[in-house]
Amino acid sequence: MAKQYRSASGTAFDITNVILLSAISLLAVLPFIYIIAGSFASDAELTKRAVFLIPKTFTTAAYQFIFSTDTILQSIKVSLYVTVVGTAVNLFFTVTMAYALSKRSLMGRNTVLNLIVFSMLFGGGLIPTYLVVRDLHLLDSFWALMLPGAISAFNLIIVKNFFQELPAELEEAAKIDGCTELGLLWKIVLPLSMPVLATFTLFYAVGHWNNFYSALLYINDPQKWPLQVMLRQIVLLSQTAAGDINSMDPNFVAPPDQSIKMAVIVIGTIPILLVYPFLQKHFAKGVLIGSVKG
């Protein structure tokens, strides 16, 4: 096999690309490393040292304060439940509606699409939305965190356009073999749509995991607070409770406020980062993997 030689300009271009992309990657990774290091540092070190990647004084006081009760574990369970079930609800309604609207022969299709686009530009507002949730008896229910945003208009249009690009020959061949519309969706369309479904699964899951505003509006029971709301409460309480407890117990060591904030960021970010690698592999795959090409 003949050995390939690269020109000096090509080699210089590759070296420049590696250096530039490595620098950009470091700029993206270093802040998160600093947050992790800061969560294990003391407030005194955070005040004295502007930036560091390894704390001089290693302490787990912030995490001990956060996990001092079972409430944080309960909120993690709530967030996992809302994320998993809510994402499933999102995908079910998005896929089924997008599949129906991808059929050009559907009666009233253009009217429905115009209404969907209209909803992207105009919304009912906070008060009408709250009244709808209240009148549907969804207050203090997990469904209040999932049903109001069950379908994203933007995601729906993207998935609909994706379905429209699938070859019509596949649908015709499946119907000749006696496949129903549901069978066509389940056996043909969904397997070919894994890249787009994986992408929007991640988008929906991240949205549910990071959502705390809906819980503040609709959930009054602290046992049903998701992780983001509970972490927000911990940050607020850590700034006031320490002084009150210290006045009653001289031996009490106040939790580090800055470390708690960083630990909260770590706890709220790590779970969704662990899910990302399992979905990322689908992003770069082709649209019609394994399909029949004419």
Protein backbone atom coordinates (compact mmCIF):
# COMPACT_ATOMS: atom_id res chain seq x y z
CA MET A 1 0.00 0.00 0.00
CA ALA A 2 1.44 3.35 -1.08
CA LYS A 3 2.22 5.75 1.71
CA GLN A 4 0.32 9.02 1.53
CA TYR A 5 2.19 12.26 2.10
CA ARG A 6 0.57 15.48 3.23
CA SER A 7 1.75 18.89 2.22
CA ALA A 8 3.21 21.32 4.75
CA SER A 9 0.15 23.56 4.44
CA GLY A 10 -2.19 20.63 5.10
CA THR A 11 -0.24 19.58 8.17
CA ALA A 12 -0.21 23.16 9.49
CA PHE A 13 -3.95 23.38 8.93
CA ASP A 14 -4.56 20.18 10.92
CA ILE A 15 -2.34 21.35 13.78
CA THR A 16 -4.12 24.71 13.90
CA ASN A 17 -7.50 22.98 13.95
CA VAL A 18 -6.45 20.69 16.81
CA ILE A 19 -5.12 23.59 18.88
CA LEU A 20 -8.15 25.79 18.22
CA LEU A 21 -10.73 23.06 18.93
CA SER A 22 -8.82 21.97 22.06
CA ALA A 23 -8.87 25.55 23.35
CA ILE A 24 -12.61 25.83 22.69
CA SER A 25 -13.20 22.50 24.45
CA LEU A 26 -11.25 23.67 27.48
CA LEU A 27 -13.27 26.87 27.62
CA ALA A 28 -16.42 24.74 27.76
CA VAL A 29 -15.15 22.17 30.28
CA LEU A 30 -13.10 24.27 32.71
CA PRO A 31 -16.04 26.21 34.20
CA PHE A 32 -17.80 22.97 35.10
CA ILE A 33 -14.60 21.54 36.60
CA TYR A 34 -14.33 24.71 38.68
CA ILE A 35 -17.92 24.26 39.88
CA ILE A 36 -17.19 20.68 40.93
CA ALA A 37 -13.99 21.71 42.71
CA GLY A 38 -15.77 24.63 44.39
CA SER A 39 -18.47 22.33 45.72
CA PHE A 40 -15.78 20.52 47.73
CA ALA A 41 -14.01 23.69 48.90
CA SER A 42 -14.59 25.95 51.88
CA ASP A 43 -16.09 29.41 51.63
CA ALA A 44 -12.78 30.93 52.77
CA GLU A 45 -10.94 29.32 49.86
CA LEU A 46 -13.64 30.38 47.41
CA THR A 47 -13.26 33.96 48.64
CA LYS A 48 -9.47 34.04 48.47
CA ARG A 49 -8.93 32.12 45.23
CA ALA A 50 -10.64 33.46 42.14
CA VAL A 51 -10.19 30.32 40.01
CA PHE A 52 -8.92 26.85 40.90
CA LEU A 53 -9.39 23.30 39.67
CA ILE A 54 -8.34 21.43 42.82
CA PRO A 55 -9.34 22.67 46.29
CA LYS A 56 -6.59 22.98 48.89
CA THR A 57 -9.00 22.12 51.72
CA PHE A 58 -11.23 19.23 50.68
CA THR A 59 -14.59 19.18 52.48
CA THR A 60 -17.97 17.57 51.88
CA ALA A 61 -19.84 19.95 54.17
CA ALA A 62 -22.00 21.26 51.34
CA TYR A 63 -23.16 17.79 50.31
CA GLN A 64 -23.67 16.76 53.94
CA PHE A 65 -25.93 19.76 54.44
CA ILE A 66 -27.91 19.02 51.25
CA PHE A 67 -28.36 15.32 52.05
CA SER A 68 -28.91 15.84 55.77
CA THR A 69 -32.58 14.92 55.31
CA ASP A 70 -34.56 12.55 53.08
CA THR A 71 -36.33 15.42 51.34
CA ILE A 72 -33.65 15.72 48.68
CA LEU A 73 -33.95 11.99 47.85
CA GLN A 74 -37.72 12.36 47.61
CA SER A 75 -37.34 15.31 45.25
CA ILE A 76 -34.93 13.30 43.08
CA LYS A 77 -37.55 10.55 42.80
CA VAL A 78 -40.16 13.14 41.84
CA SER A 79 -37.89 14.65 39.18
CA LEU A 80 -37.08 11.22 37.75
CA TYR A 81 -40.76 10.32 37.60
CA VAL A 82 -41.78 13.59 35.98
CA THR A 83 -38.89 13.42 33.51
CA VAL A 84 -39.51 9.82 32.43
CA VAL A 85 -43.31 9.94 32.31
CA GLY A 86 -43.44 13.50 30.98
CA THR A 87 -41.00 12.69 28.18
CA ALA A 88 -43.05 9.62 27.26
CA VAL A 89 -46.20 11.77 27.15
CA ASN A 90 -44.41 14.37 25.01
CA LEU A 91 -43.17 11.80 22.53
CA PHE A 92 -46.50 10.00 22.31
CA PHE A 93 -48.52 13.11 21.48
CA THR A 94 -45.82 14.65 19.30
CA VAL A 95 -45.26 11.52 17.20
CA THR A 96 -48.92 10.62 16.74
CA MET A 97 -49.95 14.16 15.81
CA ALA A 98 -46.93 14.69 13.58
CA TYR A 99 -47.60 11.41 11.77
CA ALA A 100 -51.21 12.36 11.10
CA LEU A 101 -50.26 15.85 9.87
CA SER A 102 -47.58 14.40 7.59
CA LYS A 103 -50.39 12.92 5.47
CA ARG A 104 -51.18 15.46 2.77
CA SER A 105 -54.57 13.85 2.22
CA LEU A 106 -55.71 14.55 5.80
CA MET A 107 -58.87 16.64 5.85
CA GLY A 108 -58.38 20.00 7.57
CA ARG A 109 -54.60 19.54 7.67
CA ASN A 110 -53.74 23.10 6.64
CA THR A 111 -56.13 24.58 9.21
CA VAL A 112 -54.56 22.56 12.02
CA LEU A 113 -51.06 23.52 10.88
CA ASN A 114 -52.03 27.20 10.83
CA LEU A 115 -53.36 26.92 14.38
CA ILE A 116 -50.11 25.28 15.48
CA VAL A 117 -48.04 28.07 13.96
CA PHE A 118 -50.40 30.61 15.59
CA SER A 119 -49.74 29.03 18.99
CA MET A 120 -46.01 29.60 18.48
CA LEU A 121 -46.57 33.33 18.10
CA PHE A 122 -49.35 33.97 20.62
CA GLY A 123 -50.06 32.40 24.01
CA GLY A 124 -52.89 32.62 26.49
CA GLY A 125 -50.69 33.99 29.25
CA LEU A 126 -49.90 32.97 32.80
CA ILE A 127 -53.27 33.63 34.44
CA PRO A 128 -55.44 31.86 31.82
CA THR A 129 -53.08 28.89 31.88
CA TYR A 130 -53.29 28.69 35.66
CA LEU A 131 -57.10 28.88 35.53
CA VAL A 132 -57.21 26.03 33.02
CA VAL A 133 -54.96 23.86 35.20
CA ARG A 134 -57.06 24.71 38.26
CA ASP A 135 -60.40 24.00 36.57
CA LEU A 136 -59.09 20.66 35.35
CA HIS A 137 -58.29 19.80 39.00
CA LEU A 138 -54.60 19.32 38.23
CA LEU A 139 -53.25 21.47 41.06
CA ASP A 140 -50.91 19.55 43.38
CA SER A 141 -50.73 16.82 40.75
CA PHE A 142 -47.78 15.65 38.70
CA TRP A 143 -49.96 15.96 35.60
CA ALA A 144 -49.82 19.73 36.05
CA LEU A 145 -46.11 19.50 35.27
CA MET A 146 -46.60 17.36 32.15
CA LEU A 147 -49.92 17.99 30.38
CA PRO A 148 -49.83 21.81 29.84
CA GLY A 149 -46.70 21.44 27.70
CA ALA A 150 -47.41 18.00 26.31
CA ILE A 151 -46.68 19.12 22.73
CA SER A 152 -44.07 21.61 21.61
CA ALA A 153 -45.27 23.29 18.42
CA PHE A 154 -41.72 23.73 17.13
CA ASN A 155 -40.77 20.10 17.78
CA LEU A 156 -44.04 18.94 16.25
CA ILE A 157 -43.34 20.76 12.99
CA ILE A 158 -39.80 19.37 12.80
CA VAL A 159 -40.98 15.79 13.35
CA LYS A 160 -43.82 16.27 10.87
CA ASN A 161 -41.41 17.48 8.20
CA PHE A 162 -39.14 14.52 8.97
CA PHE A 163 -41.99 12.07 8.44
CA GLN A 164 -42.90 13.75 5.16
CA GLU A 165 -39.40 13.14 3.79
CA LEU A 166 -39.65 9.37 4.22
CA PRO A 167 -40.07 7.60 0.84
CA ALA A 168 -43.67 7.00 -0.13
CA GLU A 169 -42.62 3.64 -1.62
CA LEU A 170 -42.08 2.26 1.89
CA GLU A 171 -45.65 3.09 2.89
CA GLU A 172 -47.06 1.67 -0.34
CA ALA A 173 -45.11 -1.57 0.03
CA ALA A 174 -46.23 -1.97 3.65
CA LYS A 175 -49.89 -1.40 2.76
CA ILE A 176 -49.65 -3.97 -0.04
CA ASP A 177 -48.47 -6.44 2.59
CA GLY A 178 -51.57 -5.65 4.66
CA CYS A 179 -50.00 -3.27 7.19
CA THR A 180 -52.36 -0.88 8.99
CA GLU A 181 -51.61 2.76 9.75
CA LEU A 182 -50.61 1.93 13.33
CA GLY A 183 -48.49 -0.95 12.10
CA LEU A 184 -46.87 1.33 9.54
CA LEU A 185 -46.07 3.87 12.22
CA TRP A 186 -44.72 1.27 14.66
CA LYS A 187 -42.83 -1.05 12.29
CA ILE A 188 -41.65 1.28 9.53
CA VAL A 189 -41.71 4.96 10.48
CA LEU A 190 -40.45 4.83 14.08
CA PRO A 191 -37.41 2.57 13.40
CA LEU A 192 -36.35 4.95 10.62
CA SER A 193 -36.88 7.97 12.86
CA MET A 194 -34.54 7.06 15.70
CA PRO A 195 -32.15 10.00 15.13
CA VAL A 196 -34.87 12.65 15.33
CA LEU A 197 -36.70 10.85 18.15
CA ALA A 198 -33.49 10.56 20.18
CA THR A 199 -32.84 14.27 19.70
CA PHE A 200 -36.26 15.38 20.85
CA THR A 201 -36.27 12.83 23.66
CA LEU A 202 -33.22 14.60 25.04
CA PHE A 203 -34.78 18.03 24.50
CA TYR A 204 -37.99 17.06 26.30
CA ALA A 205 -36.12 15.29 29.11
CA VAL A 206 -33.84 18.29 29.74
CA GLY A 207 -36.88 20.57 29.76
CA HIS A 208 -38.66 18.46 32.38
CA TRP A 209 -35.53 18.03 34.50
CA ASN A 210 -34.76 21.76 34.58
CA ASN A 211 -38.35 22.92 34.98
CA PHE A 212 -39.06 24.48 38.35
CA TYR A 213 -41.37 27.38 37.49
CA SER A 214 -44.37 25.13 36.82
CA ALA A 215 -43.86 23.41 40.16
CA LEU A 216 -43.76 26.79 41.92
CA LEU A 217 -47.11 27.66 40.34
CA TYR A 218 -49.01 24.41 40.60
CA ILE A 219 -47.46 22.32 43.41
CA ASN A 220 -48.07 23.30 47.04
CA ASP A 221 -47.18 19.98 48.68
CA PRO A 222 -43.42 19.94 49.50
CA GLN A 223 -43.44 16.15 49.12
CA LYS A 224 -44.21 16.67 45.42
CA TRP A 225 -41.56 19.28 44.74
CA PRO A 226 -39.10 18.27 42.02
CA LEU A 227 -35.36 18.48 42.52
CA GLN A 228 -34.93 21.96 41.04
CA VAL A 229 -37.46 23.51 43.43
CA MET A 230 -35.98 21.69 46.41
CA LEU A 231 -32.46 22.80 45.51
CA ARG A 232 -33.69 26.36 45.19
CA GLN A 233 -35.22 26.13 48.66
CA ILE A 234 -31.96 24.71 50.06
CA VAL A 235 -29.98 27.62 48.65
CA LEU A 236 -32.41 30.11 50.17
CA LEU A 237 -32.56 28.35 53.54
CA SER A 238 -28.80 27.87 53.76
CA GLN A 239 -28.35 31.64 53.73
CA THR A 240 -30.71 32.25 56.66
CA ALA A 241 -30.92 29.07 58.70
CA ALA A 242 -27.22 28.98 59.54
CA GLY A 243 -27.35 32.19 61.57
CA ASP A 244 -30.47 31.10 63.45
CA ILE A 245 -29.04 27.70 64.35
CA ASN A 246 -25.66 29.18 65.26
CA SER A 247 -27.33 31.52 67.75
CA MET A 248 -28.92 28.52 69.49
CA ASP A 249 -25.95 26.13 69.24
CA PRO A 250 -22.46 27.66 69.59
CA ASN A 251 -20.86 24.40 68.38
CA PHE A 252 -22.80 24.46 65.13
CA VAL A 253 -20.59 24.88 62.05
CA ALA A 254 -22.36 26.97 59.44
CA PRO A 255 -22.59 25.34 56.03
CA PRO A 256 -20.59 27.09 53.28
CA ASP A 257 -23.06 29.15 51.26
CA GLN A 258 -20.99 29.37 48.08
CA SER A 259 -20.12 25.67 48.18
CA ILE A 260 -23.79 24.79 48.59
CA LYS A 261 -24.68 26.78 45.49
CA MET A 262 -22.02 24.95 43.49
CA ALA A 263 -23.05 21.57 44.91
CA VAL A 264 -26.62 22.33 43.89
CA ILE A 265 -25.44 22.95 40.32
CA VAL A 266 -23.54 19.65 40.31
CA ILE A 267 -26.49 17.66 41.66
CA GLY A 268 -28.87 19.26 39.17
CA THR A 269 -26.56 18.74 36.18
CA ILE A 270 -24.87 15.36 36.61
CA PRO A 271 -27.99 13.15 36.08
CA ILE A 272 -28.86 14.65 32.70
CA LEU A 273 -25.20 14.48 31.63
CA LEU A 274 -25.21 10.74 32.35
CA VAL A 275 -28.16 10.27 29.99
CA TYR A 276 -26.70 12.29 27.12
CA PRO A 277 -24.05 9.77 25.92
CA PHE A 278 -26.71 7.10 25.37
CA LEU A 279 -28.68 9.40 23.03
CA GLN A 280 -25.82 11.27 21.39
CA LYS A 281 -24.82 8.30 19.22
CA HIS A 282 -28.11 8.58 17.31
CA PHE A 283 -27.62 12.22 16.35
CA ALA A 284 -25.10 11.63 13.57
CA LYS A 285 -26.84 8.64 12.03
CA GLY A 286 -28.47 8.87 8.62
CA VAL A 287 -32.18 9.44 8.17
CA LEU A 288 -32.90 6.22 6.31
CA ILE A 289 -30.64 3.64 7.94
CA GLY A 290 -31.57 0.18 6.74
CA SER A 291 -34.26 1.42 4.34
CA VAL A 292 -34.71 0.17 0.77
CA LYS A 293 -33.17 2.54 -1.73
CA GLY A 294 -34.66 2.68 -5.21
